[in-house]
PDBML (XML) file of the C-alpha atoms, coordinates in Angstrom:
<?xml version="1.0" encoding="UTF-8" ?>
<PDBx:datablock datablockName="MODEL"
   xmlns:PDBx="http://pdbml.pdb.org/schema/pdbx-v50.xsd"
   xmlns:xsi="http://www.w3.org/2001/XMLSchema-instance"
   xsi:schemaLocation="http://pdbml.pdb.org/schema/pdbx-v50.xsd pdbx-v50.xsd">
   <PDBx:atom_siteCategory>
      <PDBx:atom_site id="1">
         <PDBx:B_iso_or_equiv>0.00</PDBx:B_iso_or_equiv>
         <PDBx:Cartn_x>-107.143</PDBx:Cartn_x>
         <PDBx:Cartn_y>-126.874</PDBx:Cartn_y>
         <PDBx:Cartn_z>-56.049</PDBx:Cartn_z>
         <PDBx:auth_asym_id>A</PDBx:auth_asym_id>
         <PDBx:auth_atom_id>CA</PDBx:auth_atom_id>
         <PDBx:auth_comp_id>HIS</PDBx:auth_comp_id>
         <PDBx:auth_seq_id>1</PDBx:auth_seq_id>
         <PDBx:group_PDB>ATOM</PDBx:group_PDB>
         <PDBx:label_alt_id xsi:nil="true" />
         <PDBx:label_asym_id>A</PDBx:label_asym_id>
         <PDBx:label_atom_id>CA</PDBx:label_atom_id>
         <PDBx:label_comp_id>HIS</PDBx:label_comp_id>
         <PDBx:label_entity_id>1</PDBx:label_entity_id>
         <PDBx:label_seq_id>1</PDBx:label_seq_id>
         <PDBx:occupancy>1.00</PDBx:occupancy>
         <PDBx:pdbx_PDB_model_num>1</PDBx:pdbx_PDB_model_num>
         <PDBx:type_symbol>C</PDBx:type_symbol>
      </PDBx:atom_site>
      <PDBx:atom_site id="2">
         <PDBx:B_iso_or_equiv>0.00</PDBx:B_iso_or_equiv>
         <PDBx:Cartn_x>-104.369</PDBx:Cartn_x>
         <PDBx:Cartn_y>-127.189</PDBx:Cartn_y>
         <PDBx:Cartn_z>-58.600</PDBx:Cartn_z>
         <PDBx:auth_asym_id>A</PDBx:auth_asym_id>
         <PDBx:auth_atom_id>CA</PDBx:auth_atom_id>
         <PDBx:auth_comp_id>GLY</PDBx:auth_comp_id>
         <PDBx:auth_seq_id>2</PDBx:auth_seq_id>
         <PDBx:group_PDB>ATOM</PDBx:group_PDB>
         <PDBx:label_alt_id xsi:nil="true" />
         <PDBx:label_asym_id>A</PDBx:label_asym_id>
         <PDBx:label_atom_id>CA</PDBx:label_atom_id>
         <PDBx:label_comp_id>GLY</PDBx:label_comp_id>
         <PDBx:label_entity_id>1</PDBx:label_entity_id>
         <PDBx:label_seq_id>2</PDBx:label_seq_id>
         <PDBx:occupancy>1.00</PDBx:occupancy>
         <PDBx:pdbx_PDB_model_num>1</PDBx:pdbx_PDB_model_num>
         <PDBx:type_symbol>C</PDBx:type_symbol>
      </PDBx:atom_site>
      <PDBx:atom_site id="3">
         <PDBx:B_iso_or_equiv>0.00</PDBx:B_iso_or_equiv>
         <PDBx:Cartn_x>-101.772</PDBx:Cartn_x>
         <PDBx:Cartn_y>-124.613</PDBx:Cartn_y>
         <PDBx:Cartn_z>-57.523</PDBx:Cartn_z>
         <PDBx:auth_asym_id>A</PDBx:auth_asym_id>
         <PDBx:auth_atom_id>CA</PDBx:auth_atom_id>
         <PDBx:auth_comp_id>TYR</PDBx:auth_comp_id>
         <PDBx:auth_seq_id>3</PDBx:auth_seq_id>
         <PDBx:group_PDB>ATOM</PDBx:group_PDB>
         <PDBx:label_alt_id xsi:nil="true" />
         <PDBx:label_asym_id>A</PDBx:label_asym_id>
         <PDBx:label_atom_id>CA</PDBx:label_atom_id>
         <PDBx:label_comp_id>TYR</PDBx:label_comp_id>
         <PDBx:label_entity_id>1</PDBx:label_entity_id>
         <PDBx:label_seq_id>3</PDBx:label_seq_id>
         <PDBx:occupancy>1.00</PDBx:occupancy>
         <PDBx:pdbx_PDB_model_num>1</PDBx:pdbx_PDB_model_num>
         <PDBx:type_symbol>C</PDBx:type_symbol>
      </PDBx:atom_site>
      <PDBx:atom_site id="4">
         <PDBx:B_iso_or_equiv>0.00</PDBx:B_iso_or_equiv>
         <PDBx:Cartn_x>-98.040</PDBx:Cartn_x>
         <PDBx:Cartn_y>-125.226</PDBx:Cartn_y>
         <PDBx:Cartn_z>-57.469</PDBx:Cartn_z>
         <PDBx:auth_asym_id>A</PDBx:auth_asym_id>
         <PDBx:auth_atom_id>CA</PDBx:auth_atom_id>
         <PDBx:auth_comp_id>ARG</PDBx:auth_comp_id>
         <PDBx:auth_seq_id>4</PDBx:auth_seq_id>
         <PDBx:group_PDB>ATOM</PDBx:group_PDB>
         <PDBx:label_alt_id xsi:nil="true" />
         <PDBx:label_asym_id>A</PDBx:label_asym_id>
         <PDBx:label_atom_id>CA</PDBx:label_atom_id>
         <PDBx:label_comp_id>ARG</PDBx:label_comp_id>
         <PDBx:label_entity_id>1</PDBx:label_entity_id>
         <PDBx:label_seq_id>4</PDBx:label_seq_id>
         <PDBx:occupancy>1.00</PDBx:occupancy>
         <PDBx:pdbx_PDB_model_num>1</PDBx:pdbx_PDB_model_num>
         <PDBx:type_symbol>C</PDBx:type_symbol>
      </PDBx:atom_site>
      <PDBx:atom_site id="5">
         <PDBx:B_iso_or_equiv>0.00</PDBx:B_iso_or_equiv>
         <PDBx:Cartn_x>-96.623</PDBx:Cartn_x>
         <PDBx:Cartn_y>-123.637</PDBx:Cartn_y>
         <PDBx:Cartn_z>-54.306</PDBx:Cartn_z>
         <PDBx:auth_asym_id>A</PDBx:auth_asym_id>
         <PDBx:auth_atom_id>CA</PDBx:auth_atom_id>
         <PDBx:auth_comp_id>ASN</PDBx:auth_comp_id>
         <PDBx:auth_seq_id>5</PDBx:auth_seq_id>
         <PDBx:group_PDB>ATOM</PDBx:group_PDB>
         <PDBx:label_alt_id xsi:nil="true" />
         <PDBx:label_asym_id>A</PDBx:label_asym_id>
         <PDBx:label_atom_id>CA</PDBx:label_atom_id>
         <PDBx:label_comp_id>ASN</PDBx:label_comp_id>
         <PDBx:label_entity_id>1</PDBx:label_entity_id>
         <PDBx:label_seq_id>5</PDBx:label_seq_id>
         <PDBx:occupancy>1.00</PDBx:occupancy>
         <PDBx:pdbx_PDB_model_num>1</PDBx:pdbx_PDB_model_num>
         <PDBx:type_symbol>C</PDBx:type_symbol>
      </PDBx:atom_site>
      <PDBx:atom_site id="6">
         <PDBx:B_iso_or_equiv>0.00</PDBx:B_iso_or_equiv>
         <PDBx:Cartn_x>-93.025</PDBx:Cartn_x>
         <PDBx:Cartn_y>-122.984</PDBx:Cartn_y>
         <PDBx:Cartn_z>-53.322</PDBx:Cartn_z>
         <PDBx:auth_asym_id>A</PDBx:auth_asym_id>
         <PDBx:auth_atom_id>CA</PDBx:auth_atom_id>
         <PDBx:auth_comp_id>ARG</PDBx:auth_comp_id>
         <PDBx:auth_seq_id>6</PDBx:auth_seq_id>
         <PDBx:group_PDB>ATOM</PDBx:group_PDB>
         <PDBx:label_alt_id xsi:nil="true" />
         <PDBx:label_asym_id>A</PDBx:label_asym_id>
         <PDBx:label_atom_id>CA</PDBx:label_atom_id>
         <PDBx:label_comp_id>ARG</PDBx:label_comp_id>
         <PDBx:label_entity_id>1</PDBx:label_entity_id>
         <PDBx:label_seq_id>6</PDBx:label_seq_id>
         <PDBx:occupancy>1.00</PDBx:occupancy>
         <PDBx:pdbx_PDB_model_num>1</PDBx:pdbx_PDB_model_num>
         <PDBx:type_symbol>C</PDBx:type_symbol>
      </PDBx:atom_site>
      <PDBx:atom_site id="7">
         <PDBx:B_iso_or_equiv>0.00</PDBx:B_iso_or_equiv>
         <PDBx:Cartn_x>-91.842</PDBx:Cartn_x>
         <PDBx:Cartn_y>-121.806</PDBx:Cartn_y>
         <PDBx:Cartn_z>-49.899</PDBx:Cartn_z>
         <PDBx:auth_asym_id>A</PDBx:auth_asym_id>
         <PDBx:auth_atom_id>CA</PDBx:auth_atom_id>
         <PDBx:auth_comp_id>VAL</PDBx:auth_comp_id>
         <PDBx:auth_seq_id>7</PDBx:auth_seq_id>
         <PDBx:group_PDB>ATOM</PDBx:group_PDB>
         <PDBx:label_alt_id xsi:nil="true" />
         <PDBx:label_asym_id>A</PDBx:label_asym_id>
         <PDBx:label_atom_id>CA</PDBx:label_atom_id>
         <PDBx:label_comp_id>VAL</PDBx:label_comp_id>
         <PDBx:label_entity_id>1</PDBx:label_entity_id>
         <PDBx:label_seq_id>7</PDBx:label_seq_id>
         <PDBx:occupancy>1.00</PDBx:occupancy>
         <PDBx:pdbx_PDB_model_num>1</PDBx:pdbx_PDB_model_num>
         <PDBx:type_symbol>C</PDBx:type_symbol>
      </PDBx:atom_site>
      <PDBx:atom_site id="8">
         <PDBx:B_iso_or_equiv>0.00</PDBx:B_iso_or_equiv>
         <PDBx:Cartn_x>-88.763</PDBx:Cartn_x>
         <PDBx:Cartn_y>-119.595</PDBx:Cartn_y>
         <PDBx:Cartn_z>-49.472</PDBx:Cartn_z>
         <PDBx:auth_asym_id>A</PDBx:auth_asym_id>
         <PDBx:auth_atom_id>CA</PDBx:auth_atom_id>
         <PDBx:auth_comp_id>TYR</PDBx:auth_comp_id>
         <PDBx:auth_seq_id>8</PDBx:auth_seq_id>
         <PDBx:group_PDB>ATOM</PDBx:group_PDB>
         <PDBx:label_alt_id xsi:nil="true" />
         <PDBx:label_asym_id>A</PDBx:label_asym_id>
         <PDBx:label_atom_id>CA</PDBx:label_atom_id>
         <PDBx:label_comp_id>TYR</PDBx:label_comp_id>
         <PDBx:label_entity_id>1</PDBx:label_entity_id>
         <PDBx:label_seq_id>8</PDBx:label_seq_id>
         <PDBx:occupancy>1.00</PDBx:occupancy>
         <PDBx:pdbx_PDB_model_num>1</PDBx:pdbx_PDB_model_num>
         <PDBx:type_symbol>C</PDBx:type_symbol>
      </PDBx:atom_site>
      <PDBx:atom_site id="9">
         <PDBx:B_iso_or_equiv>0.00</PDBx:B_iso_or_equiv>
         <PDBx:Cartn_x>-87.272</PDBx:Cartn_x>
         <PDBx:Cartn_y>-118.862</PDBx:Cartn_y>
         <PDBx:Cartn_z>-46.057</PDBx:Cartn_z>
         <PDBx:auth_asym_id>A</PDBx:auth_asym_id>
         <PDBx:auth_atom_id>CA</PDBx:auth_atom_id>
         <PDBx:auth_comp_id>PHE</PDBx:auth_comp_id>
         <PDBx:auth_seq_id>9</PDBx:auth_seq_id>
         <PDBx:group_PDB>ATOM</PDBx:group_PDB>
         <PDBx:label_alt_id xsi:nil="true" />
         <PDBx:label_asym_id>A</PDBx:label_asym_id>
         <PDBx:label_atom_id>CA</PDBx:label_atom_id>
         <PDBx:label_comp_id>PHE</PDBx:label_comp_id>
         <PDBx:label_entity_id>1</PDBx:label_entity_id>
         <PDBx:label_seq_id>9</PDBx:label_seq_id>
         <PDBx:occupancy>1.00</PDBx:occupancy>
         <PDBx:pdbx_PDB_model_num>1</PDBx:pdbx_PDB_model_num>
         <PDBx:type_symbol>C</PDBx:type_symbol>
      </PDBx:atom_site>
      <PDBx:atom_site id="10">
         <PDBx:B_iso_or_equiv>0.00</PDBx:B_iso_or_equiv>
         <PDBx:Cartn_x>-86.089</PDBx:Cartn_x>
         <PDBx:Cartn_y>-115.360</PDBx:Cartn_y>
         <PDBx:Cartn_z>-45.227</PDBx:Cartn_z>
         <PDBx:auth_asym_id>A</PDBx:auth_asym_id>
         <PDBx:auth_atom_id>CA</PDBx:auth_atom_id>
         <PDBx:auth_comp_id>TYR</PDBx:auth_comp_id>
         <PDBx:auth_seq_id>10</PDBx:auth_seq_id>
         <PDBx:group_PDB>ATOM</PDBx:group_PDB>
         <PDBx:label_alt_id xsi:nil="true" />
         <PDBx:label_asym_id>A</PDBx:label_asym_id>
         <PDBx:label_atom_id>CA</PDBx:label_atom_id>
         <PDBx:label_comp_id>TYR</PDBx:label_comp_id>
         <PDBx:label_entity_id>1</PDBx:label_entity_id>
         <PDBx:label_seq_id>10</PDBx:label_seq_id>
         <PDBx:occupancy>1.00</PDBx:occupancy>
         <PDBx:pdbx_PDB_model_num>1</PDBx:pdbx_PDB_model_num>
         <PDBx:type_symbol>C</PDBx:type_symbol>
      </PDBx:atom_site>
      <PDBx:atom_site id="11">
         <PDBx:B_iso_or_equiv>0.00</PDBx:B_iso_or_equiv>
         <PDBx:Cartn_x>-83.563</PDBx:Cartn_x>
         <PDBx:Cartn_y>-116.559</PDBx:Cartn_y>
         <PDBx:Cartn_z>-42.674</PDBx:Cartn_z>
         <PDBx:auth_asym_id>A</PDBx:auth_asym_id>
         <PDBx:auth_atom_id>CA</PDBx:auth_atom_id>
         <PDBx:auth_comp_id>ASN</PDBx:auth_comp_id>
         <PDBx:auth_seq_id>11</PDBx:auth_seq_id>
         <PDBx:group_PDB>ATOM</PDBx:group_PDB>
         <PDBx:label_alt_id xsi:nil="true" />
         <PDBx:label_asym_id>A</PDBx:label_asym_id>
         <PDBx:label_atom_id>CA</PDBx:label_atom_id>
         <PDBx:label_comp_id>ASN</PDBx:label_comp_id>
         <PDBx:label_entity_id>1</PDBx:label_entity_id>
         <PDBx:label_seq_id>11</PDBx:label_seq_id>
         <PDBx:occupancy>1.00</PDBx:occupancy>
         <PDBx:pdbx_PDB_model_num>1</PDBx:pdbx_PDB_model_num>
         <PDBx:type_symbol>C</PDBx:type_symbol>
      </PDBx:atom_site>
      <PDBx:atom_site id="12">
         <PDBx:B_iso_or_equiv>0.00</PDBx:B_iso_or_equiv>
         <PDBx:Cartn_x>-82.107</PDBx:Cartn_x>
         <PDBx:Cartn_y>-113.445</PDBx:Cartn_y>
         <PDBx:Cartn_z>-41.020</PDBx:Cartn_z>
         <PDBx:auth_asym_id>A</PDBx:auth_asym_id>
         <PDBx:auth_atom_id>CA</PDBx:auth_atom_id>
         <PDBx:auth_comp_id>VAL</PDBx:auth_comp_id>
         <PDBx:auth_seq_id>12</PDBx:auth_seq_id>
         <PDBx:group_PDB>ATOM</PDBx:group_PDB>
         <PDBx:label_alt_id xsi:nil="true" />
         <PDBx:label_asym_id>A</PDBx:label_asym_id>
         <PDBx:label_atom_id>CA</PDBx:label_atom_id>
         <PDBx:label_comp_id>VAL</PDBx:label_comp_id>
         <PDBx:label_entity_id>1</PDBx:label_entity_id>
         <PDBx:label_seq_id>12</PDBx:label_seq_id>
         <PDBx:occupancy>1.00</PDBx:occupancy>
         <PDBx:pdbx_PDB_model_num>1</PDBx:pdbx_PDB_model_num>
         <PDBx:type_symbol>C</PDBx:type_symbol>
      </PDBx:atom_site>
      <PDBx:atom_site id="13">
         <PDBx:B_iso_or_equiv>0.00</PDBx:B_iso_or_equiv>
         <PDBx:Cartn_x>-80.979</PDBx:Cartn_x>
         <PDBx:Cartn_y>-115.376</PDBx:Cartn_y>
         <PDBx:Cartn_z>-37.934</PDBx:Cartn_z>
         <PDBx:auth_asym_id>A</PDBx:auth_asym_id>
         <PDBx:auth_atom_id>CA</PDBx:auth_atom_id>
         <PDBx:auth_comp_id>GLN</PDBx:auth_comp_id>
         <PDBx:auth_seq_id>13</PDBx:auth_seq_id>
         <PDBx:group_PDB>ATOM</PDBx:group_PDB>
         <PDBx:label_alt_id xsi:nil="true" />
         <PDBx:label_asym_id>A</PDBx:label_asym_id>
         <PDBx:label_atom_id>CA</PDBx:label_atom_id>
         <PDBx:label_comp_id>GLN</PDBx:label_comp_id>
         <PDBx:label_entity_id>1</PDBx:label_entity_id>
         <PDBx:label_seq_id>13</PDBx:label_seq_id>
         <PDBx:occupancy>1.00</PDBx:occupancy>
         <PDBx:pdbx_PDB_model_num>1</PDBx:pdbx_PDB_model_num>
         <PDBx:type_symbol>C</PDBx:type_symbol>
      </PDBx:atom_site>
      <PDBx:atom_site id="14">
         <PDBx:B_iso_or_equiv>0.00</PDBx:B_iso_or_equiv>
         <PDBx:Cartn_x>-79.101</PDBx:Cartn_x>
         <PDBx:Cartn_y>-117.943</PDBx:Cartn_y>
         <PDBx:Cartn_z>-40.080</PDBx:Cartn_z>
         <PDBx:auth_asym_id>A</PDBx:auth_asym_id>
         <PDBx:auth_atom_id>CA</PDBx:auth_atom_id>
         <PDBx:auth_comp_id>ARG</PDBx:auth_comp_id>
         <PDBx:auth_seq_id>14</PDBx:auth_seq_id>
         <PDBx:group_PDB>ATOM</PDBx:group_PDB>
         <PDBx:label_alt_id xsi:nil="true" />
         <PDBx:label_asym_id>A</PDBx:label_asym_id>
         <PDBx:label_atom_id>CA</PDBx:label_atom_id>
         <PDBx:label_comp_id>ARG</PDBx:label_comp_id>
         <PDBx:label_entity_id>1</PDBx:label_entity_id>
         <PDBx:label_seq_id>14</PDBx:label_seq_id>
         <PDBx:occupancy>1.00</PDBx:occupancy>
         <PDBx:pdbx_PDB_model_num>1</PDBx:pdbx_PDB_model_num>
         <PDBx:type_symbol>C</PDBx:type_symbol>
      </PDBx:atom_site>
      <PDBx:atom_site id="15">
         <PDBx:B_iso_or_equiv>0.00</PDBx:B_iso_or_equiv>
         <PDBx:Cartn_x>-80.947</PDBx:Cartn_x>
         <PDBx:Cartn_y>-120.827</PDBx:Cartn_y>
         <PDBx:Cartn_z>-38.435</PDBx:Cartn_z>
         <PDBx:auth_asym_id>A</PDBx:auth_asym_id>
         <PDBx:auth_atom_id>CA</PDBx:auth_atom_id>
         <PDBx:auth_comp_id>GLY</PDBx:auth_comp_id>
         <PDBx:auth_seq_id>15</PDBx:auth_seq_id>
         <PDBx:group_PDB>ATOM</PDBx:group_PDB>
         <PDBx:label_alt_id xsi:nil="true" />
         <PDBx:label_asym_id>A</PDBx:label_asym_id>
         <PDBx:label_atom_id>CA</PDBx:label_atom_id>
         <PDBx:label_comp_id>GLY</PDBx:label_comp_id>
         <PDBx:label_entity_id>1</PDBx:label_entity_id>
         <PDBx:label_seq_id>15</PDBx:label_seq_id>
         <PDBx:occupancy>1.00</PDBx:occupancy>
         <PDBx:pdbx_PDB_model_num>1</PDBx:pdbx_PDB_model_num>
         <PDBx:type_symbol>C</PDBx:type_symbol>
      </PDBx:atom_site>
      <PDBx:atom_site id="16">
         <PDBx:B_iso_or_equiv>0.00</PDBx:B_iso_or_equiv>
         <PDBx:Cartn_x>-80.456</PDBx:Cartn_x>
         <PDBx:Cartn_y>-124.363</PDBx:Cartn_y>
         <PDBx:Cartn_z>-39.697</PDBx:Cartn_z>
         <PDBx:auth_asym_id>A</PDBx:auth_asym_id>
         <PDBx:auth_atom_id>CA</PDBx:auth_atom_id>
         <PDBx:auth_comp_id>ASP</PDBx:auth_comp_id>
         <PDBx:auth_seq_id>16</PDBx:auth_seq_id>
         <PDBx:group_PDB>ATOM</PDBx:group_PDB>
         <PDBx:label_alt_id xsi:nil="true" />
         <PDBx:label_asym_id>A</PDBx:label_asym_id>
         <PDBx:label_atom_id>CA</PDBx:label_atom_id>
         <PDBx:label_comp_id>ASP</PDBx:label_comp_id>
         <PDBx:label_entity_id>1</PDBx:label_entity_id>
         <PDBx:label_seq_id>16</PDBx:label_seq_id>
         <PDBx:occupancy>1.00</PDBx:occupancy>
         <PDBx:pdbx_PDB_model_num>1</PDBx:pdbx_PDB_model_num>
         <PDBx:type_symbol>C</PDBx:type_symbol>
      </PDBx:atom_site>
      <PDBx:atom_site id="17">
         <PDBx:B_iso_or_equiv>0.00</PDBx:B_iso_or_equiv>
         <PDBx:Cartn_x>-82.498</PDBx:Cartn_x>
         <PDBx:Cartn_y>-124.654</PDBx:Cartn_y>
         <PDBx:Cartn_z>-42.908</PDBx:Cartn_z>
         <PDBx:auth_asym_id>A</PDBx:auth_asym_id>
         <PDBx:auth_atom_id>CA</PDBx:auth_atom_id>
         <PDBx:auth_comp_id>HIS</PDBx:auth_comp_id>
         <PDBx:auth_seq_id>17</PDBx:auth_seq_id>
         <PDBx:group_PDB>ATOM</PDBx:group_PDB>
         <PDBx:label_alt_id xsi:nil="true" />
         <PDBx:label_asym_id>A</PDBx:label_asym_id>
         <PDBx:label_atom_id>CA</PDBx:label_atom_id>
         <PDBx:label_comp_id>HIS</PDBx:label_comp_id>
         <PDBx:label_entity_id>1</PDBx:label_entity_id>
         <PDBx:label_seq_id>17</PDBx:label_seq_id>
         <PDBx:occupancy>1.00</PDBx:occupancy>
         <PDBx:pdbx_PDB_model_num>1</PDBx:pdbx_PDB_model_num>
         <PDBx:type_symbol>C</PDBx:type_symbol>
      </PDBx:atom_site>
      <PDBx:atom_site id="18">
         <PDBx:B_iso_or_equiv>0.00</PDBx:B_iso_or_equiv>
         <PDBx:Cartn_x>-83.072</PDBx:Cartn_x>
         <PDBx:Cartn_y>-128.410</PDBx:Cartn_y>
         <PDBx:Cartn_z>-42.640</PDBx:Cartn_z>
         <PDBx:auth_asym_id>A</PDBx:auth_asym_id>
         <PDBx:auth_atom_id>CA</PDBx:auth_atom_id>
         <PDBx:auth_comp_id>ALA</PDBx:auth_comp_id>
         <PDBx:auth_seq_id>18</PDBx:auth_seq_id>
         <PDBx:group_PDB>ATOM</PDBx:group_PDB>
         <PDBx:label_alt_id xsi:nil="true" />
         <PDBx:label_asym_id>A</PDBx:label_asym_id>
         <PDBx:label_atom_id>CA</PDBx:label_atom_id>
         <PDBx:label_comp_id>ALA</PDBx:label_comp_id>
         <PDBx:label_entity_id>1</PDBx:label_entity_id>
         <PDBx:label_seq_id>18</PDBx:label_seq_id>
         <PDBx:occupancy>1.00</PDBx:occupancy>
         <PDBx:pdbx_PDB_model_num>1</PDBx:pdbx_PDB_model_num>
         <PDBx:type_symbol>C</PDBx:type_symbol>
      </PDBx:atom_site>
      <PDBx:atom_site id="19">
         <PDBx:B_iso_or_equiv>0.00</PDBx:B_iso_or_equiv>
         <PDBx:Cartn_x>-84.323</PDBx:Cartn_x>
         <PDBx:Cartn_y>-128.062</PDBx:Cartn_y>
         <PDBx:Cartn_z>-39.074</PDBx:Cartn_z>
         <PDBx:auth_asym_id>A</PDBx:auth_asym_id>
         <PDBx:auth_atom_id>CA</PDBx:auth_atom_id>
         <PDBx:auth_comp_id>TYR</PDBx:auth_comp_id>
         <PDBx:auth_seq_id>19</PDBx:auth_seq_id>
         <PDBx:group_PDB>ATOM</PDBx:group_PDB>
         <PDBx:label_alt_id xsi:nil="true" />
         <PDBx:label_asym_id>A</PDBx:label_asym_id>
         <PDBx:label_atom_id>CA</PDBx:label_atom_id>
         <PDBx:label_comp_id>TYR</PDBx:label_comp_id>
         <PDBx:label_entity_id>1</PDBx:label_entity_id>
         <PDBx:label_seq_id>19</PDBx:label_seq_id>
         <PDBx:occupancy>1.00</PDBx:occupancy>
         <PDBx:pdbx_PDB_model_num>1</PDBx:pdbx_PDB_model_num>
         <PDBx:type_symbol>C</PDBx:type_symbol>
      </PDBx:atom_site>
      <PDBx:atom_site id="20">
         <PDBx:B_iso_or_equiv>0.00</PDBx:B_iso_or_equiv>
         <PDBx:Cartn_x>-86.995</PDBx:Cartn_x>
         <PDBx:Cartn_y>-125.514</PDBx:Cartn_y>
         <PDBx:Cartn_z>-40.000</PDBx:Cartn_z>
         <PDBx:auth_asym_id>A</PDBx:auth_asym_id>
         <PDBx:auth_atom_id>CA</PDBx:auth_atom_id>
         <PDBx:auth_comp_id>TYR</PDBx:auth_comp_id>
         <PDBx:auth_seq_id>20</PDBx:auth_seq_id>
         <PDBx:group_PDB>ATOM</PDBx:group_PDB>
         <PDBx:label_alt_id xsi:nil="true" />
         <PDBx:label_asym_id>A</PDBx:label_asym_id>
         <PDBx:label_atom_id>CA</PDBx:label_atom_id>
         <PDBx:label_comp_id>TYR</PDBx:label_comp_id>
         <PDBx:label_entity_id>1</PDBx:label_entity_id>
         <PDBx:label_seq_id>20</PDBx:label_seq_id>
         <PDBx:occupancy>1.00</PDBx:occupancy>
         <PDBx:pdbx_PDB_model_num>1</PDBx:pdbx_PDB_model_num>
         <PDBx:type_symbol>C</PDBx:type_symbol>
      </PDBx:atom_site>
      <PDBx:atom_site id="21">
         <PDBx:B_iso_or_equiv>0.00</PDBx:B_iso_or_equiv>
         <PDBx:Cartn_x>-87.871</PDBx:Cartn_x>
         <PDBx:Cartn_y>-127.292</PDBx:Cartn_y>
         <PDBx:Cartn_z>-43.219</PDBx:Cartn_z>
         <PDBx:auth_asym_id>A</PDBx:auth_asym_id>
         <PDBx:auth_atom_id>CA</PDBx:auth_atom_id>
         <PDBx:auth_comp_id>GLU</PDBx:auth_comp_id>
         <PDBx:auth_seq_id>21</PDBx:auth_seq_id>
         <PDBx:group_PDB>ATOM</PDBx:group_PDB>
         <PDBx:label_alt_id xsi:nil="true" />
         <PDBx:label_asym_id>A</PDBx:label_asym_id>
         <PDBx:label_atom_id>CA</PDBx:label_atom_id>
         <PDBx:label_comp_id>GLU</PDBx:label_comp_id>
         <PDBx:label_entity_id>1</PDBx:label_entity_id>
         <PDBx:label_seq_id>21</PDBx:label_seq_id>
         <PDBx:occupancy>1.00</PDBx:occupancy>
         <PDBx:pdbx_PDB_model_num>1</PDBx:pdbx_PDB_model_num>
         <PDBx:type_symbol>C</PDBx:type_symbol>
      </PDBx:atom_site>
      <PDBx:atom_site id="22">
         <PDBx:B_iso_or_equiv>0.00</PDBx:B_iso_or_equiv>
         <PDBx:Cartn_x>-88.690</PDBx:Cartn_x>
         <PDBx:Cartn_y>-130.373</PDBx:Cartn_y>
         <PDBx:Cartn_z>-41.145</PDBx:Cartn_z>
         <PDBx:auth_asym_id>A</PDBx:auth_asym_id>
         <PDBx:auth_atom_id>CA</PDBx:auth_atom_id>
         <PDBx:auth_comp_id>SER</PDBx:auth_comp_id>
         <PDBx:auth_seq_id>22</PDBx:auth_seq_id>
         <PDBx:group_PDB>ATOM</PDBx:group_PDB>
         <PDBx:label_alt_id xsi:nil="true" />
         <PDBx:label_asym_id>A</PDBx:label_asym_id>
         <PDBx:label_atom_id>CA</PDBx:label_atom_id>
         <PDBx:label_comp_id>SER</PDBx:label_comp_id>
         <PDBx:label_entity_id>1</PDBx:label_entity_id>
         <PDBx:label_seq_id>22</PDBx:label_seq_id>
         <PDBx:occupancy>1.00</PDBx:occupancy>
         <PDBx:pdbx_PDB_model_num>1</PDBx:pdbx_PDB_model_num>
         <PDBx:type_symbol>C</PDBx:type_symbol>
      </PDBx:atom_site>
      <PDBx:atom_site id="23">
         <PDBx:B_iso_or_equiv>0.00</PDBx:B_iso_or_equiv>
         <PDBx:Cartn_x>-91.396</PDBx:Cartn_x>
         <PDBx:Cartn_y>-128.393</PDBx:Cartn_y>
         <PDBx:Cartn_z>-39.299</PDBx:Cartn_z>
         <PDBx:auth_asym_id>A</PDBx:auth_asym_id>
         <PDBx:auth_atom_id>CA</PDBx:auth_atom_id>
         <PDBx:auth_comp_id>PHE</PDBx:auth_comp_id>
         <PDBx:auth_seq_id>23</PDBx:auth_seq_id>
         <PDBx:group_PDB>ATOM</PDBx:group_PDB>
         <PDBx:label_alt_id xsi:nil="true" />
         <PDBx:label_asym_id>A</PDBx:label_asym_id>
         <PDBx:label_atom_id>CA</PDBx:label_atom_id>
         <PDBx:label_comp_id>PHE</PDBx:label_comp_id>
         <PDBx:label_entity_id>1</PDBx:label_entity_id>
         <PDBx:label_seq_id>23</PDBx:label_seq_id>
         <PDBx:occupancy>1.00</PDBx:occupancy>
         <PDBx:pdbx_PDB_model_num>1</PDBx:pdbx_PDB_model_num>
         <PDBx:type_symbol>C</PDBx:type_symbol>
      </PDBx:atom_site>
      <PDBx:atom_site id="24">
         <PDBx:B_iso_or_equiv>0.00</PDBx:B_iso_or_equiv>
         <PDBx:Cartn_x>-92.849</PDBx:Cartn_x>
         <PDBx:Cartn_y>-127.109</PDBx:Cartn_y>
         <PDBx:Cartn_z>-42.564</PDBx:Cartn_z>
         <PDBx:auth_asym_id>A</PDBx:auth_asym_id>
         <PDBx:auth_atom_id>CA</PDBx:auth_atom_id>
         <PDBx:auth_comp_id>VAL</PDBx:auth_comp_id>
         <PDBx:auth_seq_id>24</PDBx:auth_seq_id>
         <PDBx:group_PDB>ATOM</PDBx:group_PDB>
         <PDBx:label_alt_id xsi:nil="true" />
         <PDBx:label_asym_id>A</PDBx:label_asym_id>
         <PDBx:label_atom_id>CA</PDBx:label_atom_id>
         <PDBx:label_comp_id>VAL</PDBx:label_comp_id>
         <PDBx:label_entity_id>1</PDBx:label_entity_id>
         <PDBx:label_seq_id>24</PDBx:label_seq_id>
         <PDBx:occupancy>1.00</PDBx:occupancy>
         <PDBx:pdbx_PDB_model_num>1</PDBx:pdbx_PDB_model_num>
         <PDBx:type_symbol>C</PDBx:type_symbol>
      </PDBx:atom_site>
      <PDBx:atom_site id="25">
         <PDBx:B_iso_or_equiv>0.00</PDBx:B_iso_or_equiv>
         <PDBx:Cartn_x>-93.284</PDBx:Cartn_x>
         <PDBx:Cartn_y>-130.704</PDBx:Cartn_y>
         <PDBx:Cartn_z>-43.637</PDBx:Cartn_z>
         <PDBx:auth_asym_id>A</PDBx:auth_asym_id>
         <PDBx:auth_atom_id>CA</PDBx:auth_atom_id>
         <PDBx:auth_comp_id>ARG</PDBx:auth_comp_id>
         <PDBx:auth_seq_id>25</PDBx:auth_seq_id>
         <PDBx:group_PDB>ATOM</PDBx:group_PDB>
         <PDBx:label_alt_id xsi:nil="true" />
         <PDBx:label_asym_id>A</PDBx:label_asym_id>
         <PDBx:label_atom_id>CA</PDBx:label_atom_id>
         <PDBx:label_comp_id>ARG</PDBx:label_comp_id>
         <PDBx:label_entity_id>1</PDBx:label_entity_id>
         <PDBx:label_seq_id>25</PDBx:label_seq_id>
         <PDBx:occupancy>1.00</PDBx:occupancy>
         <PDBx:pdbx_PDB_model_num>1</PDBx:pdbx_PDB_model_num>
         <PDBx:type_symbol>C</PDBx:type_symbol>
      </PDBx:atom_site>
   </PDBx:atom_siteCategory>
</PDBx:datablock>
């Protein structure tokens, strides 16, 4: 419905960003 959304990880455990981004997608 026309929004522009951005997602930001709060990654306290320092997990692999690319790994979790793949699930988001």
